[in-house]
Protein backbone atom coordinates (compact mmCIF):
# COMPACT_ATOMS: atom_id res chain seq x y z
CA UNK A 1 -72.36 69.65 27.08
CA UNK A 2 -71.59 68.59 30.67
CA UNK A 3 -69.69 65.36 29.57
CA UNK A 4 -67.65 67.30 27.09
CA UNK A 5 -66.70 69.87 29.71
CA UNK A 6 -65.75 66.84 32.05
CA UNK A 7 -63.63 65.31 29.37
CA UNK A 8 -61.88 68.53 28.81
CA UNK A 9 -61.12 68.80 32.39
CA UNK A 10 -59.84 65.21 32.49
CA UNK A 11 -57.58 65.90 29.44
CA UNK A 12 -56.05 69.02 30.99
CA UNK A 13 -55.53 67.12 34.41
CA UNK A 14 -53.65 64.30 32.51
CA UNK A 15 -51.63 67.00 30.71
CA UNK A 16 -50.72 68.80 34.02
CA UNK A 17 -49.89 65.50 35.72
CA UNK A 18 -47.57 64.39 32.98
CA UNK A 19 -46.01 67.70 32.87
CA UNK A 20 -45.60 67.78 36.63
CA UNK A 21 -43.95 64.38 36.48
CA UNK A 22 -41.47 65.23 33.78
CA UNK A 23 -40.56 68.70 35.69
CA UNK A 24 -39.93 66.68 38.78
CA UNK A 25 -37.84 64.25 37.04
CA UNK A 26 -35.65 67.14 35.19
CA UNK A 27 -35.49 68.90 38.49
CA UNK A 28 -34.12 66.14 40.41
CA UNK A 29 -31.54 65.47 37.64
CA UNK A 30 -30.60 68.86 37.61
CA UNK A 31 -29.73 68.70 41.58
CA UNK A 32 -28.01 65.30 41.19
CA UNK A 33 -27.97 62.78 38.36
CA UNK A 34 -26.02 59.39 38.96
CA UNK A 35 -25.36 56.95 36.21
CA UNK A 36 -28.51 54.72 37.07
CA UNK A 37 -30.64 57.89 37.14
CA UNK A 38 -29.34 59.06 33.53
CA UNK A 39 -30.03 55.57 32.37
CA UNK A 40 -33.54 55.15 33.69
CA UNK A 41 -34.43 58.78 32.24
CA UNK A 42 -33.06 57.81 28.92
CA UNK A 43 -35.13 54.54 28.84
CA UNK A 44 -38.26 56.55 29.18
CA UNK A 45 -37.30 59.60 26.92
CA UNK A 46 -34.88 58.58 24.32
CA UNK A 47 -36.48 58.97 20.93
CA UNK A 48 -35.33 55.77 19.55
CA UNK A 49 -36.68 53.75 22.53
CA UNK A 50 -39.80 55.58 22.44
CA UNK A 51 -40.20 54.81 18.70
CA UNK A 52 -39.51 51.30 19.40
CA UNK A 53 -42.46 51.03 21.88
CA UNK A 54 -44.71 52.79 19.22
CA UNK A 55 -43.53 50.24 16.87
CA UNK A 56 -44.43 47.44 19.17
CA UNK A 57 -47.95 49.03 19.32
CA UNK A 58 -48.05 49.32 15.43
CA UNK A 59 -47.18 45.50 15.14
CA UNK A 60 -49.90 44.57 17.59
CA UNK A 61 -52.52 46.62 15.56
CA UNK A 62 -51.14 45.22 12.33
CA UNK A 63 -51.57 41.47 13.83
CA UNK A 64 -55.11 42.25 14.80
CA UNK A 65 -56.00 43.80 11.57
CA UNK A 66 -54.82 40.73 9.65
CA UNK A 67 -56.53 38.29 11.94
CA UNK A 68 -59.88 40.21 11.59
CA UNK A 69 -60.36 38.58 8.32
CA UNK A 70 -61.12 35.36 10.11
CA UNK A 71 -64.35 36.82 11.43
CA UNK A 72 -67.54 37.08 9.25
CA UNK A 73 -67.24 39.90 6.55
CA UNK A 74 -70.59 41.80 6.22
CA UNK A 75 -71.10 44.55 3.76
CA UNK A 76 -74.20 46.54 2.40
CA UNK A 77 -74.64 48.13 -0.87
CA UNK A 78 -77.25 50.10 -2.79
CA UNK A 79 -77.41 51.06 -6.40
CA UNK A 80 -80.23 53.13 -8.37
CA UNK A 81 -80.29 53.09 -12.10
CA UNK A 82 -82.36 54.48 -15.05
CA UNK A 83 -82.16 53.17 -18.60
CA UNK A 84 -82.04 56.07 -21.29
CA UNK A 85 -82.68 53.17 -23.51
CA UNK A 86 -83.49 49.59 -22.52
CA UNK A 87 -81.46 46.77 -23.94
CA UNK A 88 -83.19 44.19 -26.09
CA UNK A 89 -82.93 40.37 -25.73
CA UNK A 90 -83.54 38.03 -28.80
CA UNK A 91 -86.25 35.43 -28.21
CA UNK A 92 -87.99 32.97 -30.63
CA UNK A 93 -91.58 33.73 -31.56
CA UNK A 94 -93.54 30.66 -30.24
CA UNK A 95 -95.82 30.42 -33.19
CA UNK A 96 -93.52 31.27 -36.15
CA UNK A 97 -90.38 30.31 -34.33
CA UNK A 98 -88.89 33.61 -35.75
CA UNK A 99 -86.17 35.33 -33.49
CA UNK A 100 -87.46 38.72 -32.55
CA UNK A 101 -86.02 41.24 -30.14
CA UNK A 102 -87.92 41.95 -27.06
CA UNK A 103 -87.29 44.51 -24.10
CA UNK A 104 -87.23 42.87 -20.73
CA UNK A 105 -87.16 44.57 -17.29
CA UNK A 106 -88.04 48.11 -16.20
CA UNK A 107 -86.66 51.33 -16.88
CA UNK A 108 -86.12 52.14 -13.35
CA UNK A 109 -84.53 49.74 -10.92
CA UNK A 110 -82.93 50.08 -7.29
CA UNK A 111 -81.29 47.47 -5.34
CA UNK A 112 -80.46 47.48 -1.71
CA UNK A 113 -78.26 44.48 -0.70
CA UNK A 114 -76.63 42.72 2.36
CA UNK A 115 -73.99 40.36 1.86
CA UNK A 116 -71.91 38.23 4.29
CA UNK A 117 -68.67 36.22 3.65
CA UNK A 118 -67.04 33.65 5.90
CA UNK A 119 -63.47 32.55 4.97
CA UNK A 120 -63.04 28.91 5.58
CA UNK A 121 -59.59 28.13 4.22
CA UNK A 122 -57.31 31.01 2.95
CA UNK A 123 -53.37 30.73 3.17
CA UNK A 124 -53.00 34.50 3.89
CA UNK A 125 -54.99 34.09 6.86
CA UNK A 126 -53.11 30.88 8.14
CA UNK A 127 -49.89 32.76 7.66
CA UNK A 128 -51.12 35.65 9.76
CA UNK A 129 -52.28 33.30 12.46
CA UNK A 130 -48.95 31.29 12.78
CA UNK A 131 -46.77 34.42 12.59
CA UNK A 132 -48.62 36.65 15.03
CA UNK A 133 -46.40 35.71 17.86
CA UNK A 134 -43.24 35.76 16.08
CA UNK A 135 -44.10 39.37 15.08
CA UNK A 136 -44.84 40.40 18.54
CA UNK A 137 -41.57 38.78 19.77
CA UNK A 138 -39.78 40.50 16.80
CA UNK A 139 -41.21 44.12 17.81
CA UNK A 140 -40.27 43.40 21.34
CA UNK A 141 -36.67 42.28 20.56
CA UNK A 142 -36.18 45.46 18.53
CA UNK A 143 -37.05 47.35 21.76
CA UNK A 144 -34.58 45.34 23.58
CA UNK A 145 -31.94 45.92 21.22
CA UNK A 146 -32.33 49.72 21.11
CA UNK A 147 -32.46 49.85 25.08
CA UNK A 148 -29.11 47.98 25.13
CA UNK A 149 -27.68 50.64 22.73
CA UNK A 150 -28.98 53.28 24.90
CA UNK A 151 -27.55 51.84 28.06
CA UNK A 152 -24.02 51.47 26.67
CA UNK A 153 -24.03 54.85 24.87
CA UNK A 154 -25.48 56.66 27.91
CA UNK A 155 -22.91 55.00 30.22
CA UNK A 156 -19.95 55.79 28.01
CA UNK A 157 -21.02 59.44 27.78
CA UNK A 158 -21.63 59.60 31.33
CA UNK A 159 -18.09 58.33 32.03
CA UNK A 160 -16.67 60.64 29.48
CA UNK A 161 -18.33 63.80 31.24
CA UNK A 162 -17.14 62.80 34.77
CA UNK A 163 -13.70 62.10 33.17
CA UNK A 164 -13.26 65.57 31.85
CA UNK A 165 -14.88 67.10 35.14
CA UNK A 166 -12.34 64.95 37.11
CA UNK A 167 -9.51 66.54 34.81
CA UNK A 168 -10.75 69.99 35.61
CA UNK A 169 -10.66 69.33 39.38
CA UNK A 170 -7.15 67.89 39.13
CA UNK A 171 -5.67 70.66 37.39
CA UNK A 172 -7.60 73.04 39.84
CA UNK A 173 -5.65 71.47 42.59
CA UNK A 174 -2.48 71.77 40.35
CA UNK A 175 -3.26 75.44 39.82
CA UNK A 176 -3.42 76.20 43.67
CA UNK A 177 -0.18 74.17 44.45
CA UNK A 178 1.64 76.04 41.49
CA UNK A 179 0.45 79.44 42.75
CA UNK A 180 1.83 78.84 45.96
CA UNK A 181 5.08 77.47 44.31
CA UNK A 182 5.20 80.76 42.31
CA UNK A 183 4.86 82.75 45.58
CA UNK A 184 7.64 80.80 47.26
CA UNK A 185 10.03 81.21 44.24
CA UNK A 186 9.06 84.99 44.07
CA UNK A 187 9.88 85.32 47.74
CA UNK A 188 13.24 83.52 47.44
CA UNK A 189 14.28 85.34 44.50
CA UNK A 190 13.37 88.73 46.14
CA UNK A 191 15.50 87.42 49.01
CA UNK A 192 18.43 86.74 46.82
CA UNK A 193 18.33 82.95 47.34
CA UNK A 194 17.48 82.06 43.84
CA UNK A 195 17.80 83.79 40.49
CA UNK A 196 14.86 84.81 38.45
CA UNK A 197 14.57 81.71 36.20
CA UNK A 198 12.80 79.93 39.24
CA UNK A 199 9.81 82.39 39.48
CA UNK A 200 9.64 82.31 35.76
CA UNK A 201 9.52 78.45 35.48
CA UNK A 202 6.69 78.39 38.12
CA UNK A 203 4.88 81.17 36.01
CA UNK A 204 5.29 79.06 32.76
CA UNK A 205 3.96 75.79 34.61
CA UNK A 206 1.04 77.78 36.04
CA UNK A 207 0.09 79.55 32.66
CA UNK A 208 0.17 76.12 30.91
CA UNK A 209 -1.88 74.42 33.67
CA UNK A 210 -4.37 77.23 33.37
CA UNK A 211 -4.51 76.87 29.56
CA UNK A 212 -5.00 73.12 29.88
CA UNK A 213 -7.70 73.74 32.39
CA UNK A 214 -9.53 76.23 30.27
CA UNK A 215 -9.50 73.61 27.36
CA UNK A 216 -11.08 70.67 29.56
CA UNK A 217 -13.56 73.18 31.10
CA UNK A 218 -14.93 73.97 27.58
CA UNK A 219 -15.09 70.38 26.75
CA UNK A 220 -17.22 69.65 29.68
CA UNK A 221 -20.21 71.79 28.05
CA UNK A 222 -19.89 70.06 24.95
CA UNK A 223 -19.82 66.52 26.45
CA UNK A 224 -22.80 67.37 28.61
CA UNK A 225 -24.82 68.15 25.46
CA UNK A 226 -23.62 64.83 23.92
CA UNK A 227 -24.89 63.12 27.10
CA UNK A 228 -28.13 64.95 27.02
CA UNK A 229 -28.86 64.02 23.44
CA UNK A 230 -28.34 60.44 24.10
CA UNK A 231 -30.56 60.61 27.07
CA UNK A 232 -33.34 62.48 25.21
CA UNK A 233 -32.90 65.09 27.97
CA UNK A 234 -33.96 68.89 27.03
CA UNK A 235 -30.81 70.52 25.85
CA UNK A 236 -31.36 73.89 27.76
CA UNK A 237 -32.19 72.24 31.04
CA UNK A 238 -29.63 71.84 33.80
CA UNK A 239 -27.88 68.46 34.29
CA UNK A 240 -25.58 67.83 37.13
CA UNK A 241 -23.94 64.28 37.06
CA UNK A 242 -22.71 62.82 40.38
CA UNK A 243 -20.47 60.15 40.95
CA UNK A 244 -18.62 58.22 43.84
CA UNK A 245 -14.87 57.59 42.76
CA UNK A 246 -14.72 54.47 45.02
CA UNK A 247 -17.90 53.18 43.59
CA UNK A 248 -16.68 53.78 40.03
CA UNK A 249 -13.37 51.79 41.11
CA UNK A 250 -15.71 49.05 42.36
CA UNK A 251 -17.63 49.03 38.99
CA UNK A 252 -14.52 48.40 37.21
CA UNK A 253 -14.33 44.82 38.62
CA UNK A 254 -15.29 41.98 36.03
CA UNK A 255 -15.45 38.21 36.15
CA UNK A 256 -13.05 37.48 33.43
CA UNK A 257 -13.64 33.69 33.63
CA UNK A 258 -17.24 33.81 32.05
CA UNK A 259 -17.83 31.99 28.95
CA UNK A 260 -19.35 33.60 26.07
CA UNK A 261 -22.65 32.23 24.86
CA UNK A 262 -23.89 33.57 21.46
CA UNK A 263 -27.56 32.64 22.35
CA UNK A 264 -27.58 35.24 25.05
CA UNK A 265 -26.96 38.07 22.37
CA UNK A 266 -30.28 39.75 21.30
CA UNK A 267 -28.87 39.74 17.74
CA UNK A 268 -28.92 35.97 17.76
CA UNK A 269 -32.16 35.91 19.38
CA UNK A 270 -33.54 38.21 16.48
CA UNK A 271 -32.12 35.69 13.78
CA UNK A 272 -34.00 32.79 15.56
CA UNK A 273 -37.11 34.95 15.39
CA UNK A 274 -36.55 35.65 11.74
CA UNK A 275 -36.00 32.04 11.09
CA UNK A 276 -39.49 31.36 12.64
CA UNK A 277 -41.00 33.62 10.12
CA UNK A 278 -38.94 32.18 7.28
CA UNK A 279 -40.19 28.78 8.24
CA UNK A 280 -43.73 29.95 8.46
CA UNK A 281 -43.14 31.29 4.73
CA UNK A 282 -41.96 28.04 3.50
CA UNK A 283 -45.31 26.63 4.61
CA UNK A 284 -47.03 29.59 2.93
CA UNK A 285 -45.61 28.89 -0.40
CA UNK A 286 -46.61 25.22 -0.30
CA UNK A 287 -50.15 26.16 0.70
CA UNK A 288 -50.38 27.78 -2.83
CA UNK A 289 -51.37 24.52 -4.14
CA UNK A 290 -54.56 24.37 -1.85
CA UNK A 291 -57.85 26.03 -2.86
CA UNK A 292 -59.22 29.14 -1.17
CA UNK A 293 -62.60 28.18 0.33
CA UNK A 294 -65.34 30.70 1.55
CA UNK A 295 -69.03 30.48 2.44
CA UNK A 296 -71.13 33.50 1.31
CA UNK A 297 -74.78 34.69 1.68
CA UNK A 298 -76.65 37.44 0.15
CA UNK A 299 -80.00 39.19 0.74
CA UNK A 300 -81.21 41.78 -1.91
CA UNK A 301 -84.34 44.21 -2.06
CA UNK A 302 -84.92 44.88 -5.82
CA UNK A 303 -87.29 47.69 -6.67
CA UNK A 304 -88.29 48.15 -10.44
CA UNK A 305 -90.88 50.21 -12.15
CA UNK A 306 -91.03 52.05 -15.55
CA UNK A 307 -92.37 55.06 -13.59
CA UNK A 308 -89.85 56.69 -11.56
CA UNK A 309 -92.41 58.15 -9.02
CA UNK A 310 -93.76 54.59 -8.43
CA UNK A 311 -90.22 52.92 -8.20
CA UNK A 312 -90.48 51.93 -4.56
CA UNK A 313 -94.04 50.72 -4.66
CA UNK A 314 -93.20 47.21 -5.25
CA UNK A 315 -90.26 45.17 -3.94
CA UNK A 316 -88.99 41.97 -5.24
CA UNK A 317 -86.58 40.21 -2.56
CA UNK A 318 -84.28 37.64 -3.31
CA UNK A 319 -81.59 35.77 -1.34
CA UNK A 320 -78.95 33.16 -1.70
CA UNK A 321 -76.29 31.12 0.04
CA UNK A 322 -73.28 29.39 -1.53
CA UNK A 323 -69.72 28.15 -1.31
CA UNK A 324 -66.91 29.39 -3.26
CA UNK A 325 -63.77 27.37 -4.08
CA UNK A 326 -60.81 28.71 -6.11
CA UNK A 327 -58.04 26.64 -7.03
CA UNK A 328 -55.22 27.83 -9.38
CA UNK A 329 -54.14 24.94 -11.51
CA UNK A 330 -51.23 26.11 -13.63
CA UNK A 331 -49.30 29.31 -13.15
CA UNK A 332 -46.14 28.55 -15.35
CA UNK A 333 -44.10 27.06 -12.41
CA UNK A 334 -44.31 30.28 -10.27
CA UNK A 335 -45.39 28.21 -7.08
CA UNK A 336 -42.51 25.79 -7.40
CA UNK A 337 -40.05 28.71 -7.75
CA UNK A 338 -41.50 30.67 -4.91
CA UNK A 339 -41.12 27.42 -2.60
CA UNK A 340 -37.46 27.11 -3.69
CA UNK A 341 -36.74 30.63 -2.92
CA UNK A 342 -38.30 30.23 0.59
CA UNK A 343 -36.31 27.22 1.17
CA UNK A 344 -33.10 28.92 0.20
CA UNK A 345 -33.84 31.86 2.57
CA UNK A 346 -34.04 29.37 5.33
CA UNK A 347 -30.72 27.95 4.34
CA UNK A 348 -29.21 31.39 4.05
CA UNK A 349 -30.38 32.22 7.72
CA UNK A 350 -28.29 29.29 8.99
CA UNK A 351 -25.12 30.71 7.65
CA UNK A 352 -26.13 34.17 9.16
CA UNK A 353 -26.29 32.28 12.57
CA UNK A 354 -22.94 30.96 11.86
CA UNK A 355 -21.40 34.00 11.11
CA UNK A 356 -22.83 35.71 13.97
CA UNK A 357 -21.62 33.00 16.38
CA UNK A 358 -17.96 33.47 14.91
CA UNK A 359 -18.23 37.18 15.17
CA UNK A 360 -19.43 37.11 18.70
CA UNK A 361 -16.35 34.87 19.80
CA UNK A 362 -14.13 37.23 18.01
CA UNK A 363 -15.76 40.25 19.64
CA UNK A 364 -15.63 38.89 23.10
CA UNK A 365 -12.12 37.99 22.73
CA UNK A 366 -11.00 41.48 21.56
CA UNK A 367 -13.06 43.20 24.22
CA UNK A 368 -11.80 40.85 27.02
CA UNK A 369 -8.19 41.50 25.87
CA UNK A 370 -8.65 45.24 25.80
CA UNK A 371 -10.31 45.12 29.49
CA UNK A 372 -7.39 43.18 30.73
CA UNK A 373 -4.93 45.29 29.13
CA UNK A 374 -6.58 48.49 30.58
CA UNK A 375 -6.95 47.00 33.70
CA UNK A 376 -3.21 46.11 34.10
CA UNK A 377 -2.56 49.67 32.99
CA UNK A 378 -4.79 51.17 35.62
CA UNK A 379 -3.25 49.20 38.35
CA UNK A 380 0.24 50.17 37.06
CA UNK A 381 -0.60 53.81 37.04
CA UNK A 382 -2.15 53.64 40.56
CA UNK A 383 1.19 52.50 41.88
CA UNK A 384 2.74 55.19 39.68
CA UNK A 385 0.60 57.90 41.34
CA UNK A 386 1.67 56.71 44.86
CA UNK A 387 5.24 57.09 44.00
CA UNK A 388 4.86 60.42 42.20
CA UNK A 389 3.13 61.90 45.28
CA UNK A 390 6.09 60.57 47.28
CA UNK A 391 8.65 61.83 44.90
CA UNK A 392 6.95 65.36 44.92
CA UNK A 393 6.66 65.47 48.56
CA UNK A 394 10.48 64.51 49.06
CA UNK A 395 11.83 66.99 46.34
CA UNK A 396 9.69 69.57 47.60
CA UNK A 397 11.07 69.61 51.02
CA UNK A 398 14.61 69.05 49.61
CA UNK A 399 13.99 72.23 47.75
CA UNK A 400 13.05 74.04 50.65
CA UNK A 401 15.98 72.99 52.47
CA UNK A 402 18.24 74.00 49.52
CA UNK A 403 19.18 70.61 48.41
CA UNK A 404 17.29 70.43 45.25
CA UNK A 405 16.53 73.07 42.56
CA UNK A 406 13.46 74.40 41.44
CA UNK A 407 13.72 72.61 38.29
CA UNK A 408 13.72 69.40 39.83
CA UNK A 409 10.35 70.53 41.65
CA UNK A 410 8.63 71.61 38.42
CA UNK A 411 9.58 68.13 36.90
CA UNK A 412 8.08 66.45 40.12
CA UNK A 413 5.01 68.64 39.86
CA UNK A 414 4.52 67.58 36.17
CA UNK A 415 4.96 64.02 36.94
CA UNK A 416 2.39 64.26 39.66
CA UNK A 417 -0.04 65.94 37.47
CA UNK A 418 0.48 63.57 34.44
CA UNK A 419 0.02 60.61 36.99
CA UNK A 420 -3.20 61.89 38.21
CA UNK A 421 -4.73 62.57 34.90
CA UNK A 422 -3.48 59.31 33.45
CA UNK A 423 -4.85 57.35 36.45
CA UNK A 424 -8.38 58.67 36.01
CA UNK A 425 -8.19 58.34 32.14
CA UNK A 426 -7.04 54.63 32.77
CA UNK A 427 -10.04 54.08 34.95
CA UNK A 428 -12.23 55.51 32.25
CA UNK A 429 -10.87 53.09 29.78
CA UNK A 430 -11.35 50.10 32.03
CA UNK A 431 -15.03 51.15 32.48
CA UNK A 432 -15.41 51.51 28.80
CA UNK A 433 -13.80 48.38 28.13
CA UNK A 434 -15.98 46.49 30.74
CA UNK A 435 -19.25 47.71 28.86
CA UNK A 436 -17.99 46.28 25.68
CA UNK A 437 -17.10 42.88 27.59
CA UNK A 438 -20.61 42.97 28.98
CA UNK A 439 -22.12 43.80 25.48
CA UNK A 440 -20.29 40.90 23.73
CA UNK A 441 -21.53 38.55 26.47
CA UNK A 442 -25.13 39.71 26.28
CA UNK A 443 -25.49 40.73 29.79
CA UNK A 444 -26.38 44.37 29.75
CA UNK A 445 -29.15 44.88 32.28
CA UNK A 446 -31.72 47.84 32.08
């Protein structure tokens, strides 16, 4: 009773500890969640990754289960039977030579047996022994591939969230500026300096910007939910992403002189592991021509008596040891066909490797081209933003001096807002295309 109570307290303590750790993690992400924090959380909580880790454990248990057949197999049995009518056996009479039926044995028998079997040569066990490491590697590679997918998907979703947030922030600044412009235009109209079209244009621009900001603000919530889903994060728990714009700009840099190596890709490594398993399968089919050999031993306690009440009064023990050899001689050519099939599967895998190598090269070329194009676009838009800010500043001063019309100010404001939105969207495209390049190179880290 005391041990049970202690075990219960231990289980409760583990649960409270795990719950507290999870709570602290979500609390910290609710306050501030950088990209690295989101990725780390996803690698520990994303359902696909957790399933992969469990699959690794299942693979290990399966391997151990298969290899256990190399150990001696011990079994026990017991039987009890009563003849309603005993069988008769024909025996020749020693005097006359006439064959007569005779009843042999007792009406009641009981047998307790202990048997031991030791496999000496068995192709199934040899296959399990040779492929154990390959199956472990295969399970690990599946986990690695899922983690790479999680890193890429969470990163893209994270960048999407901050892009939309940044768009909301930019529009908030524009709204404040447009409100000042509306007030200035209204004051000038009331003073008789301009006609009523200037405040009307300012009001139209302000309303359009507010509507656009409302649209982006609604998108932020939806994109947060997408990020939470990819992270395995509780949907109703707050999450507050944080970022440094300067760091994002630095993260956009990439060495474009790297050479692609298909062997770095996890898909290529998975095919190599599959090749090891197929090579082992070829050997397995060839071993079908060899016999299965096993040693065995039995020890039996036989009880028999015509009277059931005295059945266990006498025991007749017996024991034996032996060696069994089973060799299939002719199976209609099945073993030949199975060997050919296994060899063809190995040949087919070589073409899978060739196709993957070609697709990796094409994928890298496409991803690198997109990255270079997006980077060039980002650099051009960054220069455009500098010029748009300068143009707006000059036109706004000229408008206040009476040189330019309010329409010119409105156009300059629209150009400035578009330049700011386009710049951050271009940075997002660069970061996304960089992830695609890194994935094609097989250099995603986690």
